[in-house]
Amino acid sequence: MSTYIKNVNTYLSKMKIKQTFISLKTGIDINKLSRILTGTQNIPASDMEKIANALGQKTEYFLSDVFLIPEYNSFSGREIAFYAGEPTGEQKMFALKLTDLIENVDEILSAENRFMNAMIE
């Protein structure tokens, strides 16, 4: 198994990223991706680049003999959605808005229930 595949598998395992996510991000068929990651199918350079990009890294990162993965628990709660790579500014803003929405879902749902109950009375 190549260094690239070994490092990608280590990264996926440590970061708890599913092959399905990589398949969706890259457009590589899930069966082909599985064969690539088990080493039963050779990986073309274009697929190496797609996989690395989907993980927010450069291809060279996974080709390194000295392979270091950031600590999983070093991410803050607001950045965990982007643990697969460094988010862009737009992604950070979207994540913050989504986090705020999720934190307020309970309030929104209870307000809707209060409104509906008031309409019934």
PDB file of N, CA and C in Angstrom:
ATOM      1  N   MET A   1       0.859  -1.180   0.000  1.00  0.00           N
ATOM      2  CA  MET A   1       0.000   0.000   0.000  1.00  0.00           C
ATOM      3  C   MET A   1       0.899   1.235   0.000  1.00  0.00           C
ATOM      4  N   SER A   2       0.550   2.208  -0.816  1.00  0.00           N
ATOM      5  CA  SER A   2       1.379   3.402  -0.955  1.00  0.00           C
ATOM      6  C   SER A   2       1.316   4.267   0.300  1.00  0.00           C
ATOM      7  N   THR A   3       2.319   5.114   0.449  1.00  0.00           N
ATOM      8  CA  THR A   3       2.360   6.061   1.574  1.00  0.00           C
ATOM      9  C   THR A   3       1.143   6.960   1.539  1.00  0.00           C
ATOM     10  N   TYR A   4       0.756   7.390   0.346  1.00  0.00           N
ATOM     11  CA  TYR A   4      -0.400   8.276   0.206  1.00  0.00           C
ATOM     12  C   TYR A   4      -1.652   7.605   0.778  1.00  0.00           C
ATOM     13  N   ILE A   5      -1.933   6.384   0.362  1.00  0.00           N
ATOM     14  CA  ILE A   5      -3.135   5.667   0.796  1.00  0.00           C
ATOM     15  C   ILE A   5      -3.058   5.384   2.293  1.00  0.00           C
ATOM     16  N   LYS A   6      -1.897   4.965   2.769  1.00  0.00           N
ATOM     17  CA  LYS A   6      -1.740   4.701   4.200  1.00  0.00           C
ATOM     18  C   LYS A   6      -2.031   5.966   5.007  1.00  0.00           C
ATOM     19  N   ASN A   7      -1.491   7.093   4.579  1.00  0.00           N
ATOM     20  CA  ASN A   7      -1.694   8.358   5.301  1.00  0.00           C
ATOM     21  C   ASN A   7      -3.147   8.839   5.210  1.00  0.00           C
ATOM     22  N   VAL A   8      -3.775   8.678   4.049  1.00  0.00           N
ATOM     23  CA  VAL A   8      -5.186   9.075   3.905  1.00  0.00           C
ATOM     24  C   VAL A   8      -6.049   8.232   4.840  1.00  0.00           C
ATOM     25  N   ASN A   9      -5.820   6.924   4.865  1.00  0.00           N
ATOM     26  CA  ASN A   9      -6.595   6.042   5.744  1.00  0.00           C
ATOM     27  C   ASN A   9      -6.386   6.396   7.217  1.00  0.00           C
ATOM     28  N   THR A  10      -5.166   6.712   7.582  1.00  0.00           N
ATOM     29  CA  THR A  10      -4.876   7.117   8.955  1.00  0.00           C
ATOM     30  C   THR A  10      -5.616   8.404   9.287  1.00  0.00           C
ATOM     31  N   TYR A  11      -5.584   9.352   8.368  1.00  0.00           N
ATOM     32  CA  TYR A  11      -6.257  10.636   8.552  1.00  0.00           C
ATOM     33  C   TYR A  11      -7.770  10.435   8.701  1.00  0.00           C
ATOM     34  N   LEU A  12      -8.350   9.647   7.794  1.00  0.00           N
ATOM     35  CA  LEU A  12      -9.788   9.390   7.846  1.00  0.00           C
ATOM     36  C   LEU A  12     -10.180   8.738   9.167  1.00  0.00           C
ATOM     37  N   SER A  13      -9.389   7.799   9.599  1.00  0.00           N
ATOM     38  CA  SER A  13      -9.687   7.101  10.843  1.00  0.00           C
ATOM     39  C   SER A  13      -9.581   8.031  12.048  1.00  0.00           C
ATOM     40  N   LYS A  14      -8.488   8.753  12.116  1.00  0.00           N
ATOM     41  CA  LYS A  14      -8.266   9.640  13.267  1.00  0.00           C
ATOM     42  C   LYS A  14      -9.289  10.774  13.308  1.00  0.00           C
ATOM     43  N   MET A  15      -9.641  11.314  12.145  1.00  0.00           N
ATOM     44  CA  MET A  15     -10.571  12.433  12.092  1.00  0.00           C
ATOM     45  C   MET A  15     -12.032  11.970  12.007  1.00  0.00           C
ATOM     46  N   LYS A  16     -12.231  10.647  11.975  1.00  0.00           N
ATOM     47  CA  LYS A  16     -13.577  10.058  11.936  1.00  0.00           C
ATOM     48  C   LYS A  16     -14.390  10.537  10.728  1.00  0.00           C
ATOM     49  N   ILE A  17     -13.733  10.511   9.578  1.00  0.00           N
ATOM     50  CA  ILE A  17     -14.367  10.923   8.323  1.00  0.00           C
ATOM     51  C   ILE A  17     -14.739   9.663   7.551  1.00  0.00           C
ATOM     52  N   LYS A  18     -15.956   9.613   7.082  1.00  0.00           N
ATOM     53  CA  LYS A  18     -16.468   8.450   6.352  1.00  0.00           C
ATOM     54  C   LYS A  18     -16.107   8.532   4.875  1.00  0.00           C
ATOM     55  N   GLN A  19     -15.955   7.369   4.256  1.00  0.00           N
ATOM     56  CA  GLN A  19     -15.679   7.307   2.822  1.00  0.00           C
ATOM     57  C   GLN A  19     -16.815   7.940   2.026  1.00  0.00           C
ATOM     58  N   THR A  20     -18.022   7.847   2.532  1.00  0.00           N
ATOM     59  CA  THR A  20     -19.176   8.440   1.854  1.00  0.00           C
ATOM     60  C   THR A  20     -18.982   9.940   1.681  1.00  0.00           C
ATOM     61  N   PHE A  21     -18.462  10.595   2.715  1.00  0.00           N
ATOM     62  CA  PHE A  21     -18.193  12.030   2.652  1.00  0.00           C
ATOM     63  C   PHE A  21     -17.201  12.325   1.530  1.00  0.00           C
ATOM     64  N   ILE A  22     -16.126  11.546   1.475  1.00  0.00           N
ATOM     65  CA  ILE A  22     -15.094  11.757   0.446  1.00  0.00           C
ATOM     66  C   ILE A  22     -15.692  11.523  -0.939  1.00  0.00           C
ATOM     67  N   SER A  23     -16.488  10.487  -1.073  1.00  0.00           N
ATOM     68  CA  SER A  23     -17.119  10.192  -2.360  1.00  0.00           C
ATOM     69  C   SER A  23     -18.005  11.351  -2.811  1.00  0.00           C
ATOM     70  N   LEU A  24     -18.804  11.876  -1.902  1.00  0.00           N
ATOM     71  CA  LEU A  24     -19.682  13.003  -2.248  1.00  0.00           C
ATOM     72  C   LEU A  24     -18.888  14.253  -2.595  1.00  0.00           C
ATOM     73  N   LYS A  25     -17.828  14.539  -1.839  1.00  0.00           N
ATOM     74  CA  LYS A  25     -17.019  15.740  -2.081  1.00  0.00           C
ATOM     75  C   LYS A  25     -16.224  15.657  -3.383  1.00  0.00           C
ATOM     76  N   THR A  26     -15.771  14.454  -3.734  1.00  0.00           N
ATOM     77  CA  THR A  26     -14.880  14.309  -4.885  1.00  0.00           C
ATOM     78  C   THR A  26     -15.594  13.895  -6.164  1.00  0.00           C
ATOM     79  N   GLY A  27     -16.757  13.261  -6.022  1.00  0.00           N
ATOM     80  CA  GLY A  27     -17.439  12.710  -7.189  1.00  0.00           C
ATOM     81  C   GLY A  27     -16.895  11.353  -7.593  1.00  0.00           C
ATOM     82  N   ILE A  28     -15.991  10.796  -6.792  1.00  0.00           N
ATOM     83  CA  ILE A  28     -15.453   9.460  -7.064  1.00  0.00           C
ATOM     84  C   ILE A  28     -16.487   8.443  -6.574  1.00  0.00           C
ATOM     85  N   ASP A  29     -16.824   7.481  -7.427  1.00  0.00           N
ATOM     86  CA  ASP A  29     -17.781   6.440  -7.061  1.00  0.00           C
ATOM     87  C   ASP A  29     -17.338   5.759  -5.763  1.00  0.00           C
ATOM     88  N   ILE A  30     -18.278   5.494  -4.862  1.00  0.00           N
ATOM     89  CA  ILE A  30     -17.969   4.925  -3.546  1.00  0.00           C
ATOM     90  C   ILE A  30     -17.258   3.577  -3.663  1.00  0.00           C
ATOM     91  N   ASN A  31     -17.639   2.758  -4.652  1.00  0.00           N
ATOM     92  CA  ASN A  31     -16.981   1.449  -4.825  1.00  0.00           C
ATOM     93  C   ASN A  31     -15.536   1.619  -5.297  1.00  0.00           C
ATOM     94  N   LYS A  32     -15.332   2.548  -6.218  1.00  0.00           N
ATOM     95  CA  LYS A  32     -13.973   2.828  -6.699  1.00  0.00           C
ATOM     96  C   LYS A  32     -13.132   3.385  -5.555  1.00  0.00           C
ATOM     97  N   LEU A  33     -13.710   4.296  -4.773  1.00  0.00           N
ATOM     98  CA  LEU A  33     -12.989   4.881  -3.643  1.00  0.00           C
ATOM     99  C   LEU A  33     -12.593   3.798  -2.653  1.00  0.00           C
ATOM    100  N   SER A  34     -13.491   2.878  -2.383  1.00  0.00           N
ATOM    101  CA  SER A  34     -13.202   1.781  -1.465  1.00  0.00           C
ATOM    102  C   SER A  34     -12.030   0.943  -1.972  1.00  0.00           C
ATOM    103  N   ARG A  35     -12.044   0.636  -3.258  1.00  0.00           N
ATOM    104  CA  ARG A  35     -10.929  -0.139  -3.845  1.00  0.00           C
ATOM    105  C   ARG A  35      -9.615   0.632  -3.748  1.00  0.00           C
ATOM    106  N   ILE A  36      -9.688   1.937  -3.983  1.00  0.00           N
ATOM    107  CA  ILE A  36      -8.484   2.771  -3.897  1.00  0.00           C
ATOM    108  C   ILE A  36      -7.947   2.752  -2.472  1.00  0.00           C
ATOM    109  N   LEU A  37      -8.837   2.938  -1.495  1.00  0.00           N
ATOM    110  CA  LEU A  37      -8.394   3.045  -0.096  1.00  0.00           C
ATOM    111  C   LEU A  37      -7.974   1.708   0.512  1.00  0.00           C
ATOM    112  N   THR A  38      -8.378   0.605  -0.116  1.00  0.00           N
ATOM    113  CA  THR A  38      -7.892  -0.701   0.349  1.00  0.00           C
ATOM    114  C   THR A  38      -6.643  -1.132  -0.410  1.00  0.00           C
ATOM    115  N   GLY A  39      -6.265  -0.342  -1.408  1.00  0.00           N
ATOM    116  CA  GLY A  39      -5.052  -0.633  -2.168  1.00  0.00           C
ATOM    117  C   GLY A  39      -5.241  -1.642  -3.275  1.00  0.00           C
ATOM    118  N   THR A  40      -6.484  -2.025  -3.584  1.00  0.00           N
ATOM    119  CA  THR A  40      -6.715  -2.998  -4.649  1.00  0.00           C
ATOM    120  C   THR A  40      -6.812  -2.348  -6.027  1.00  0.00           C
ATOM    121  N   GLN A  41      -6.916  -1.025  -6.055  1.00  0.00           N
ATOM    122  CA  GLN A  41      -6.947  -0.300  -7.324  1.00  0.00           C
ATOM    123  C   GLN A  41      -5.940   0.841  -7.253  1.00  0.00           C
ATOM    124  N   ASN A  42      -5.196   1.002  -8.326  1.00  0.00           N
ATOM    125  CA  ASN A  42      -4.244   2.112  -8.388  1.00  0.00           C
ATOM    126  C   ASN A  42      -4.998   3.434  -8.401  1.00  0.00           C
ATOM    127  N   ILE A  43      -4.364   4.435  -7.847  1.00  0.00           N
ATOM    128  CA  ILE A  43      -4.993   5.753  -7.775  1.00  0.00           C
ATOM    129  C   ILE A  43      -4.292   6.707  -8.732  1.00  0.00           C
ATOM    130  N   PRO A  44      -5.033   7.292  -9.659  1.00  0.00           N
ATOM    131  CA  PRO A  44      -4.427   8.283 -10.550  1.00  0.00           C
ATOM    132  C   PRO A  44      -4.151   9.584  -9.792  1.00  0.00           C
ATOM    133  N   ALA A  45      -3.231  10.354 -10.292  1.00  0.00           N
ATOM    134  CA  ALA A  45      -2.854  11.617  -9.644  1.00  0.00           C
ATOM    135  C   ALA A  45      -4.053  12.550  -9.504  1.00  0.00           C
ATOM    136  N   SER A  46      -4.956  12.528 -10.482  1.00  0.00           N
ATOM    137  CA  SER A  46      -6.119  13.414 -10.409  1.00  0.00           C
ATOM    138  C   SER A  46      -7.013  13.052  -9.215  1.00  0.00           C
ATOM    139  N   ASP A  47      -7.170  11.758  -8.939  1.00  0.00           N
ATOM    140  CA  ASP A  47      -7.968  11.333  -7.784  1.00  0.00           C
ATOM    141  C   ASP A  47      -7.245  11.631  -6.468  1.00  0.00           C
ATOM    142  N   MET A  48      -5.917  11.540  -6.490  1.00  0.00           N
ATOM    143  CA  MET A  48      -5.145  11.899  -5.288  1.00  0.00           C
ATOM    144  C   MET A  48      -5.413  13.363  -4.927  1.00  0.00           C
ATOM    145  N   GLU A  49      -5.413  14.196  -5.950  1.00  0.00           N
ATOM    146  CA  GLU A  49      -5.645  15.627  -5.731  1.00  0.00           C
ATOM    147  C   GLU A  49      -7.075  15.885  -5.247  1.00  0.00           C
ATOM    148  N   LYS A  50      -8.048  15.196  -5.845  1.00  0.00           N
ATOM    149  CA  LYS A  50      -9.444  15.371  -5.428  1.00  0.00           C
ATOM    150  C   LYS A  50      -9.638  14.985  -3.964  1.00  0.00           C
ATOM    151  N   ILE A  51      -9.055  13.862  -3.569  1.00  0.00           N
ATOM    152  CA  ILE A  51      -9.205  13.389  -2.190  1.00  0.00           C
ATOM    153  C   ILE A  51      -8.542  14.361  -1.230  1.00  0.00           C
ATOM    154  N   ALA A  52      -7.337  14.785  -1.545  1.00  0.00           N
ATOM    155  CA  ALA A  52      -6.628  15.738  -0.684  1.00  0.00           C
ATOM    156  C   ALA A  52      -7.422  17.033  -0.548  1.00  0.00           C
ATOM    157  N   ASN A  53      -7.936  17.547  -1.657  1.00  0.00           N
ATOM    158  CA  ASN A  53      -8.732  18.782  -1.625  1.00  0.00           C
ATOM    159  C   ASN A  53      -9.991  18.606  -0.789  1.00  0.00           C
ATOM    160  N   ALA A  54     -10.644  17.452  -0.918  1.00  0.00           N
ATOM    161  CA  ALA A  54     -11.858  17.187  -0.137  1.00  0.00           C
ATOM    162  C   ALA A  54     -11.552  17.189   1.354  1.00  0.00           C
ATOM    163  N   LEU A  55     -10.336  16.836   1.707  1.00  0.00           N
ATOM    164  CA  LEU A  55      -9.922  16.812   3.107  1.00  0.00           C
ATOM    165  C   LEU A  55      -9.278  18.128   3.539  1.00  0.00           C
ATOM    166  N   GLY A  56      -9.268  19.099   2.639  1.00  0.00           N
ATOM    167  CA  GLY A  56      -8.732  20.418   2.978  1.00  0.00           C
ATOM    168  C   GLY A  56      -7.216  20.454   3.058  1.00  0.00           C
ATOM    169  N   GLN A  57      -6.569  19.559   2.336  1.00  0.00           N
ATOM    170  CA  GLN A  57      -5.105  19.471   2.375  1.00  0.00           C
ATOM    171  C   GLN A  57      -4.556  19.488   0.954  1.00  0.00           C
ATOM    172  N   LYS A  58      -3.246  19.597   0.861  1.00  0.00           N
ATOM    173  CA  LYS A  58      -2.570  19.471  -0.423  1.00  0.00           C
ATOM    174  C   LYS A  58      -2.130  18.012  -0.572  1.00  0.00           C
ATOM    175  N   THR A  59      -1.986  17.559  -1.802  1.00  0.00           N
ATOM    176  CA  THR A  59      -1.587  16.176  -2.057  1.00  0.00           C
ATOM    177  C   THR A  59      -0.287  15.833  -1.345  1.00  0.00           C
ATOM    178  N   GLU A  60       0.654  16.770  -1.313  1.00  0.00           N
ATOM    179  CA  GLU A  60       1.960  16.540  -0.701  1.00  0.00           C
ATOM    180  C   GLU A  60       1.853  16.179   0.784  1.00  0.00           C
ATOM    181  N   TYR A  61       0.820  16.692   1.440  1.00  0.00           N
ATOM    182  CA  TYR A  61       0.610  16.406   2.863  1.00  0.00           C
ATOM    183  C   TYR A  61       0.488  14.905   3.095  1.00  0.00           C
ATOM    184  N   PHE A  62      -0.219  14.214   2.203  1.00  0.00           N
ATOM    185  CA  PHE A  62      -0.432  12.784   2.359  1.00  0.00           C
ATOM    186  C   PHE A  62       0.703  11.941   1.776  1.00  0.00           C
ATOM    187  N   LEU A  63       1.615  12.571   1.055  1.00  0.00           N
ATOM    188  CA  LEU A  63       2.763  11.854   0.497  1.00  0.00           C
ATOM    189  C   LEU A  63       3.966  11.856   1.432  1.00  0.00           C
ATOM    190  N   SER A  64       3.881  12.619   2.495  1.00  0.00           N
ATOM    191  CA  SER A  64       5.006  12.785   3.408  1.00  0.00           C
ATOM    192  C   SER A  64       5.263  11.520   4.226  1.00  0.00           C
ATOM    193  N   ASP A  65       6.549  11.195   4.386  1.00  0.00           N
ATOM    194  CA  ASP A  65       6.928  10.067   5.246  1.00  0.00           C
ATOM    195  C   ASP A  65       6.737  10.422   6.719  1.00  0.00           C
ATOM    196  N   VAL A  66       6.894  11.716   7.037  1.00  0.00           N
ATOM    197  CA  VAL A  66       6.645  12.200   8.395  1.00  0.00           C
ATOM    198  C   VAL A  66       5.247  12.800   8.385  1.00  0.00           C
ATOM    199  N   PHE A  67       4.288  12.022   8.834  1.00  0.00           N
ATOM    200  CA  PHE A  67       2.881  12.392   8.708  1.00  0.00           C
ATOM    201  C   PHE A  67       2.301  12.737  10.073  1.00  0.00           C
ATOM    202  N   LEU A  68       1.964  14.006  10.253  1.00  0.00           N
ATOM    203  CA  LEU A  68       1.409  14.468  11.522  1.00  0.00           C
ATOM    204  C   LEU A  68      -0.032  14.916  11.310  1.00  0.00           C
ATOM    205  N   ILE A  69      -0.908  14.465  12.197  1.00  0.00           N
ATOM    206  CA  ILE A  69      -2.323  14.831  12.135  1.00  0.00           C
ATOM    207  C   ILE A  69      -2.621  15.700  13.348  1.00  0.00           C
ATOM    208  N   PRO A  70      -3.332  16.817  13.140  1.00  0.00           N
ATOM    209  CA  PRO A  70      -3.676  17.654  14.293  1.00  0.00           C
ATOM    210  C   PRO A  70      -4.532  16.864  15.287  1.00  0.00           C
ATOM    211  N   GLU A  71      -4.396  17.198  16.557  1.00  0.00           N
ATOM    212  CA  GLU A  71      -5.188  16.538  17.585  1.00  0.00           C
ATOM    213  C   GLU A  71      -6.659  16.828  17.358  1.00  0.00           C
ATOM    214  N   TYR A  72      -7.476  15.799  17.372  1.00  0.00           N
ATOM    215  CA  TYR A  72      -8.915  15.923  17.142  1.00  0.00           C
ATOM    216  C   TYR A  72      -9.557  16.847  18.166  1.00  0.00           C
ATOM    217  N   ASN A  73      -9.202  16.709  19.432  1.00  0.00           N
ATOM    218  CA  ASN A  73      -9.842  17.502  20.476  1.00  0.00           C
ATOM    219  C   ASN A  73      -9.263  18.908  20.598  1.00  0.00           C
ATOM    220  N   SER A  74      -8.379  19.298  19.684  1.00  0.00           N
ATOM    221  CA  SER A  74      -7.834  20.651  19.718  1.00  0.00           C
ATOM    222  C   SER A  74      -8.756  21.646  19.002  1.00  0.00           C
ATOM    223  N   PHE A  75      -9.809  21.140  18.358  1.00  0.00           N
ATOM    224  CA  PHE A  75     -10.732  22.011  17.647  1.00  0.00           C
ATOM    225  C   PHE A  75     -11.789  22.540  18.609  1.00  0.00           C
ATOM    226  N   SER A  76     -12.164  23.767  18.419  1.00  0.00           N
ATOM    227  CA  SER A  76     -13.234  24.319  19.248  1.00  0.00           C
ATOM    228  C   SER A  76     -14.569  23.844  18.706  1.00  0.00           C
ATOM    229  N   GLY A  77     -15.597  23.966  19.519  1.00  0.00           N
ATOM    230  CA  GLY A  77     -16.926  23.526  19.133  1.00  0.00           C
ATOM    231  C   GLY A  77     -17.443  24.220  17.895  1.00  0.00           C
ATOM    232  N   ARG A  78     -17.062  25.455  17.675  1.00  0.00           N
ATOM    233  CA  ARG A  78     -17.564  26.194  16.520  1.00  0.00           C
ATOM    234  C   ARG A  78     -16.810  25.842  15.240  1.00  0.00           C
ATOM    235  N   GLU A  79     -15.698  25.132  15.352  1.00  0.00           N
ATOM    236  CA  GLU A  79     -14.935  24.764  14.163  1.00  0.00           C
ATOM    237  C   GLU A  79     -15.038  23.285  13.852  1.00  0.00           C
ATOM    238  N   ILE A  80     -15.702  22.513  14.676  1.00  0.00           N
ATOM    239  CA  ILE A  80     -15.734  21.075  14.494  1.00  0.00           C
ATOM    240  C   ILE A  80     -16.360  20.671  13.166  1.00  0.00           C
ATOM    241  N   ALA A  81     -17.281  21.465  12.641  1.00  0.00           N
ATOM    242  CA  ALA A  81     -17.905  21.136  11.365  1.00  0.00           C
ATOM    243  C   ALA A  81     -16.901  21.158  10.222  1.00  0.00           C
ATOM    244  N   PHE A  82     -15.752  21.773  10.436  1.00  0.00           N
ATOM    245  CA  PHE A  82     -14.753  21.891   9.380  1.00  0.00           C
ATOM    246  C   PHE A  82     -13.469  21.146   9.724  1.00  0.00           C
ATOM    247  N   TYR A  83     -13.561  20.067  10.523  1.00  0.00           N
ATOM    248  CA  TYR A  83     -12.364  19.366  10.915  1.00  0.00           C
ATOM    249  C   TYR A  83     -11.670  18.693   9.743  1.00  0.00           C
ATOM    250  N   ALA A  84     -12.320  18.602   8.591  1.00  0.00           N
ATOM    251  CA  ALA A  84     -11.718  17.986   7.424  1.00  0.00           C
ATOM    252  C   ALA A  84     -10.746  18.922   6.714  1.00  0.00           C
ATOM    253  N   GLY A  85     -10.658  20.147   7.137  1.00  0.00           N
ATOM    254  CA  GLY A  85      -9.737  21.086   6.513  1.00  0.00           C
ATOM    255  C   GLY A  85      -9.973  22.486   7.023  1.00  0.00           C
ATOM    256  N   GLU A  86      -9.172  23.393   6.554  1.00  0.00           N
ATOM    257  CA  GLU A  86      -9.276  24.794   6.974  1.00  0.00           C
ATOM    258  C   GLU A  86     -10.442  25.453   6.254  1.00  0.00           C
ATOM    259  N   PRO A  87     -11.419  25.978   7.008  1.00  0.00           N
ATOM    260  CA  PRO A  87     -12.575  26.598   6.358  1.00  0.00           C
ATOM    261  C   PRO A  87     -12.229  27.954   5.752  1.00  0.00           C
ATOM    262  N   THR A  88     -12.956  28.298   4.710  1.00  0.00           N
ATOM    263  CA  THR A  88     -12.817  29.627   4.125  1.00  0.00           C
ATOM    264  C   THR A  88     -13.577  30.611   5.003  1.00  0.00           C
ATOM    265  N   GLY A  89     -13.411  31.878   4.778  1.00  0.00           N
ATOM    266  CA  GLY A  89     -14.129  32.896   5.539  1.00  0.00           C
ATOM    267  C   GLY A  89     -15.630  32.748   5.386  1.00  0.00           C
ATOM    268  N   GLU A  90     -16.062  32.469   4.163  1.00  0.00           N
ATOM    269  CA  GLU A  90     -17.494  32.286   3.904  1.00  0.00           C
ATOM    270  C   GLU A  90     -18.029  31.059   4.651  1.00  0.00           C
ATOM    271  N   GLN A  91     -17.254  29.974   4.682  1.00  0.00           N
ATOM    272  CA  GLN A  91     -17.670  28.771   5.401  1.00  0.00           C
ATOM    273  C   GLN A  91     -17.756  29.034   6.906  1.00  0.00           C
ATOM    274  N   LYS A  92     -16.814  29.813   7.429  1.00  0.00           N
ATOM    275  CA  LYS A  92     -16.854  30.138   8.859  1.00  0.00           C
ATOM    276  C   LYS A  92     -18.114  30.925   9.204  1.00  0.00           C
ATOM    277  N   MET A  93     -18.455  31.913   8.366  1.00  0.00           N
ATOM    278  CA  MET A  93     -19.645  32.720   8.621  1.00  0.00           C
ATOM    279  C   MET A  93     -20.904  31.845   8.551  1.00  0.00           C
ATOM    280  N   PHE A  94     -20.966  30.969   7.566  1.00  0.00           N
ATOM    281  CA  PHE A  94     -22.110  30.079   7.436  1.00  0.00           C
ATOM    282  C   PHE A  94     -22.210  29.159   8.650  1.00  0.00           C
ATOM    283  N   ALA A  95     -21.082  28.623   9.093  1.00  0.00           N
ATOM    284  CA  ALA A  95     -21.076  27.727  10.246  1.00  0.00           C
ATOM    285  C   ALA A  95     -21.539  28.447  11.506  1.00  0.00           C
ATOM    286  N   LEU A  96     -21.108  29.682  11.682  1.00  0.00           N
ATOM    287  CA  LEU A  96     -21.535  30.447  12.856  1.00  0.00           C
ATOM    288  C   LEU A  96     -23.043  30.697  12.827  1.00  0.00           C
ATOM    289  N   LYS A  97     -23.567  31.041  11.654  1.00  0.00           N
ATOM    290  CA  LYS A  97     -25.016  31.251  11.530  1.00  0.00           C
ATOM    291  C   LYS A  97     -25.775  29.957  11.788  1.00  0.00           C
ATOM    292  N   LEU A  98     -25.261  28.854  11.260  1.00  0.00           N
ATOM    293  CA  LEU A  98     -25.896  27.558  11.469  1.00  0.00           C
ATOM    294  C   LEU A  98     -25.850  27.156  12.940  1.00  0.00           C
ATOM    295  N   THR A  99     -24.721  27.401  13.584  1.00  0.00           N
ATOM    296  CA  THR A  99     -24.593  27.106  15.010  1.00  0.00           C
ATOM    297  C   THR A  99     -25.583  27.923  15.816  1.00  0.00           C
ATOM    298  N   ASP A 100     -25.705  29.204  15.499  1.00  0.00           N
ATOM    299  CA  ASP A 100     -26.675  30.054  16.194  1.00  0.00           C
ATOM    300  C   ASP A 100     -28.098  29.543  15.988  1.00  0.00           C
ATOM    301  N   LEU A 101     -28.412  29.133  14.775  1.00  0.00           N
ATOM    302  CA  LEU A 101     -29.740  28.609  14.490  1.00  0.00           C
ATOM    303  C   LEU A 101     -29.999  27.350  15.321  1.00  0.00           C
ATOM    304  N   ILE A 102     -29.043  26.445  15.328  1.00  0.00           N
ATOM    305  CA  ILE A 102     -29.200  25.199  16.076  1.00  0.00           C
ATOM    306  C   ILE A 102     -29.366  25.480  17.565  1.00  0.00           C
ATOM    307  N   GLU A 103     -28.598  26.431  18.083  1.00  0.00           N
ATOM    308  CA  GLU A 103     -28.695  26.766  19.497  1.00  0.00           C
ATOM    309  C   GLU A 103     -30.058  27.361  19.835  1.00  0.00           C
ATOM    310  N   ASN A 104     -30.740  27.950  18.858  1.00  0.00           N
ATOM    311  CA  ASN A 104     -32.025  28.597  19.100  1.00  0.00           C
ATOM    312  C   ASN A 104     -33.223  27.804  18.606  1.00  0.00           C
ATOM    313  N   VAL A 105     -33.006  26.596  18.099  1.00  0.00           N
ATOM    314  CA  VAL A 105     -34.108  25.795  17.579  1.00  0.00           C
ATOM    315  C   VAL A 105     -35.159  25.558  18.654  1.00  0.00           C
ATOM    316  N   ASP A 106     -34.710  25.268  19.871  1.00  0.00           N
ATOM    317  CA  ASP A 106     -35.655  25.013  20.952  1.00  0.00           C
ATOM    318  C   ASP A 106     -36.557  26.227  21.186  1.00  0.00           C
ATOM    319  N   GLU A 107     -35.965  27.414  21.195  1.00  0.00           N
ATOM    320  CA  GLU A 107     -36.756  28.635  21.379  1.00  0.00           C
ATOM    321  C   GLU A 107     -37.738  28.829  20.235  1.00  0.00           C
ATOM    322  N   ILE A 108     -37.298  28.579  19.028  1.00  0.00           N
ATOM    323  CA  ILE A 108     -38.159  28.746  17.851  1.00  0.00           C
ATOM    324  C   ILE A 108     -39.336  27.776  17.914  1.00  0.00           C
ATOM    325  N   LEU A 109     -39.060  26.516  18.243  1.00  0.00           N
ATOM    326  CA  LEU A 109     -40.121  25.521  18.305  1.00  0.00           C
ATOM    327  C   LEU A 109     -41.092  25.807  19.448  1.00  0.00           C
ATOM    328  N   SER A 110     -40.571  26.231  20.579  1.00  0.00           N
ATOM    329  CA  SER A 110     -41.475  26.522  21.692  1.00  0.00           C
ATOM    330  C   SER A 110     -42.320  27.768  21.388  1.00  0.00           C
ATOM    331  N   ALA A 111     -41.765  28.736  20.689  1.00  0.00           N
ATOM    332  CA  ALA A 111     -42.536  29.919  20.295  1.00  0.00           C
ATOM    333  C   ALA A 111     -43.646  29.514  19.335  1.00  0.00           C
ATOM    334  N   GLU A 112     -43.340  28.615  18.422  1.00  0.00           N
ATOM    335  CA  GLU A 112     -44.363  28.136  17.494  1.00  0.00           C
ATOM    336  C   GLU A 112     -45.474  27.425  18.261  1.00  0.00           C
ATOM    337  N   ASN A 113     -45.106  26.588  19.238  1.00  0.00           N
ATOM    338  CA  ASN A 113     -46.108  25.887  20.044  1.00  0.00           C
ATOM    339  C   ASN A 113     -46.970  26.867  20.831  1.00  0.00           C
ATOM    340  N   ARG A 114     -46.352  27.892  21.401  1.00  0.00           N
ATOM    341  CA  ARG A 114     -47.113  28.903  22.154  1.00  0.00           C
ATOM    342  C   ARG A 114     -48.094  29.624  21.222  1.00  0.00           C
ATOM    343  N   PHE A 115     -47.632  29.955  20.032  1.00  0.00           N
ATOM    344  CA  PHE A 115     -48.481  30.622  19.054  1.00  0.00           C
ATOM    345  C   PHE A 115     -49.677  29.736  18.676  1.00  0.00           C
ATOM    346  N   MET A 116     -49.390  28.469  18.400  1.00  0.00           N
ATOM    347  CA  MET A 116     -50.462  27.542  18.005  1.00  0.00           C
ATOM    348  C   MET A 116     -51.445  27.336  19.154  1.00  0.00           C
ATOM    349  N   ASN A 117     -50.952  27.254  20.381  1.00  0.00           N
ATOM    350  CA  ASN A 117     -51.828  27.102  21.535  1.00  0.00           C
ATOM    351  C   ASN A 117     -52.688  28.347  21.738  1.00  0.00           C
ATOM    352  N   ALA A 118     -52.126  29.511  21.501  1.00  0.00           N
ATOM    353  CA  ALA A 118     -52.880  30.757  21.635  1.00  0.00           C
ATOM    354  C   ALA A 118     -53.991  30.848  20.586  1.00  0.00           C
ATOM    355  N   MET A 119     -53.730  30.300  19.407  1.00  0.00           N
ATOM    356  CA  MET A 119     -54.739  30.319  18.335  1.00  0.00           C
ATOM    357  C   MET A 119     -55.913  29.414  18.676  1.00  0.00           C
ATOM    358  N   ILE A 120     -55.640  28.328  19.393  1.00  0.00           N
ATOM    359  CA  ILE A 120     -56.672  27.364  19.748  1.00  0.00           C
ATOM    360  C   ILE A 120     -57.571  27.941  20.837  1.00  0.00           C
ATOM    361  N   GLU A 121     -56.988  28.678  21.762  1.00  0.00           N
ATOM    362  CA  GLU A 121     -57.739  29.239  22.890  1.00  0.00           C
ATOM    363  C   GLU A 121     -58.583  30.332  22.419  1.00  0.00           C
TER     364      GLU A 121
END
